[in-house]
Amino acid sequence: IFGEVGWSTNSGTPSDLYNFGYNLVQEAKSAGVKVFWWDNNKEGTGTNHYGLLNRWNTDSNNAEWHKPALLKGLIKGSGQTIDWIENISV
């Protein structure tokens, strides 16, 4: 198990975030390791901001995803597909 991993700031381009997520999951998967994303529901800049999903708005049809390019990279890296995620531009 790859315990807790996160992207702690809003630095980087959407492409950087996508590549980080994709490569992280691809490498872990090739080694037979499971990845658990650390999401502390904090969004913003600075340290300790690992929010990926706005937990105050979790309606599956209208969920607010912070760092959507990262989310797309994590999912695509796993080899899974989700229809709505294809619309996220990187």
Protein backbone atom coordinates (compact mmCIF):
# COMPACT_ATOMS: atom_id res chain seq x y z
CA ILE A 1 0.00 0.00 0.00
CA PHE A 2 1.25 3.45 -0.93
CA GLY A 3 -0.15 5.06 2.23
CA GLU A 4 -0.94 8.74 1.97
CA VAL A 5 0.01 10.78 -1.05
CA GLY A 6 -1.13 14.23 -2.05
CA TRP A 7 -0.37 17.42 -3.95
CA SER A 8 -0.01 20.00 -1.22
CA THR A 9 -0.34 23.25 -3.13
CA ASN A 10 -2.10 24.64 -6.16
CA SER A 11 1.23 25.05 -7.90
CA GLY A 12 1.84 23.54 -11.28
CA THR A 13 -0.09 23.54 -14.49
CA PRO A 14 -3.04 21.23 -15.18
CA SER A 15 -0.63 19.18 -17.29
CA ASP A 16 1.77 18.86 -14.32
CA LEU A 17 -1.08 17.68 -12.11
CA TYR A 18 -2.34 15.18 -14.70
CA ASN A 19 1.15 13.75 -15.26
CA PHE A 20 1.80 13.45 -11.52
CA GLY A 21 -1.44 11.54 -10.94
CA TYR A 22 -1.10 9.37 -14.03
CA ASN A 23 2.54 8.43 -13.44
CA LEU A 24 2.03 7.83 -9.72
CA VAL A 25 -0.78 5.34 -10.28
CA GLN A 26 0.89 3.71 -13.33
CA GLU A 27 4.12 3.08 -11.43
CA ALA A 28 2.32 1.83 -8.35
CA LYS A 29 0.08 -0.42 -10.44
CA SER A 30 3.05 -1.94 -12.27
CA ALA A 31 4.59 -2.80 -8.87
CA GLY A 32 1.32 -4.23 -7.53
CA VAL A 33 0.90 -1.39 -5.06
CA LYS A 34 -2.41 0.29 -4.16
CA VAL A 35 -2.53 4.10 -3.83
CA PHE A 36 -4.60 5.97 -1.25
CA TRP A 37 -5.05 9.68 -1.92
CA TRP A 38 -4.86 11.97 1.11
CA ASP A 39 -7.75 14.43 0.98
CA ASN A 40 -8.12 16.63 4.04
CA ASN A 41 -10.81 18.82 2.43
CA LYS A 42 -8.57 21.88 2.45
CA GLU A 43 -8.34 23.88 -0.75
CA GLY A 44 -6.06 26.82 -1.34
CA THR A 45 -2.38 27.54 -1.50
CA GLY A 46 0.35 26.75 0.98
CA THR A 47 1.13 23.61 2.92
CA ASN A 48 -1.44 21.09 4.11
CA HIS A 49 -3.91 21.78 1.30
CA TYR A 50 -4.66 18.32 -0.10
CA GLY A 51 -8.32 18.78 -1.03
CA LEU A 52 -9.45 16.96 -4.14
CA LEU A 53 -13.23 16.83 -3.54
CA ASN A 54 -15.33 19.60 -2.01
CA ARG A 55 -17.09 17.55 0.67
CA TRP A 56 -19.73 20.23 1.15
CA ASN A 57 -21.01 19.57 -2.38
CA THR A 58 -20.84 15.84 -3.04
CA ASP A 59 -23.91 15.46 -5.24
CA SER A 60 -22.54 13.03 -7.81
CA ASN A 61 -24.01 15.02 -10.69
CA ASN A 62 -22.63 18.35 -9.48
CA ALA A 63 -19.62 17.45 -7.35
CA GLU A 64 -17.01 20.18 -7.20
CA TRP A 65 -13.60 18.68 -7.84
CA HIS A 66 -10.51 20.68 -6.93
CA LYS A 67 -7.60 19.93 -9.25
CA PRO A 68 -9.70 18.13 -11.91
CA ALA A 69 -6.65 17.44 -14.10
CA LEU A 70 -5.08 15.55 -11.20
CA LEU A 71 -8.25 13.54 -10.71
CA LYS A 72 -8.24 12.65 -14.42
CA GLY A 73 -4.60 11.55 -14.22
CA LEU A 74 -5.26 9.34 -11.19
CA ILE A 75 -8.20 7.63 -12.86
CA LYS A 76 -6.58 7.26 -16.29
CA GLY A 77 -3.40 5.93 -14.67
CA SER A 78 -5.43 3.15 -13.09
CA GLY A 79 -6.69 2.09 -16.49
CA GLN A 80 -10.29 2.92 -15.59
CA THR A 81 -12.63 5.12 -17.56
CA ILE A 82 -15.42 7.39 -16.41
CA ASP A 83 -17.45 9.12 -19.13
CA TRP A 84 -17.63 12.58 -17.56
CA ILE A 85 -13.92 12.71 -16.81
CA GLU A 86 -13.09 12.66 -20.51
CA ASN A 87 -14.46 16.20 -20.75
CA ILE A 88 -11.79 17.55 -18.37
CA SER A 89 -9.11 19.31 -20.37
CA VAL A 90 -5.48 18.93 -19.40
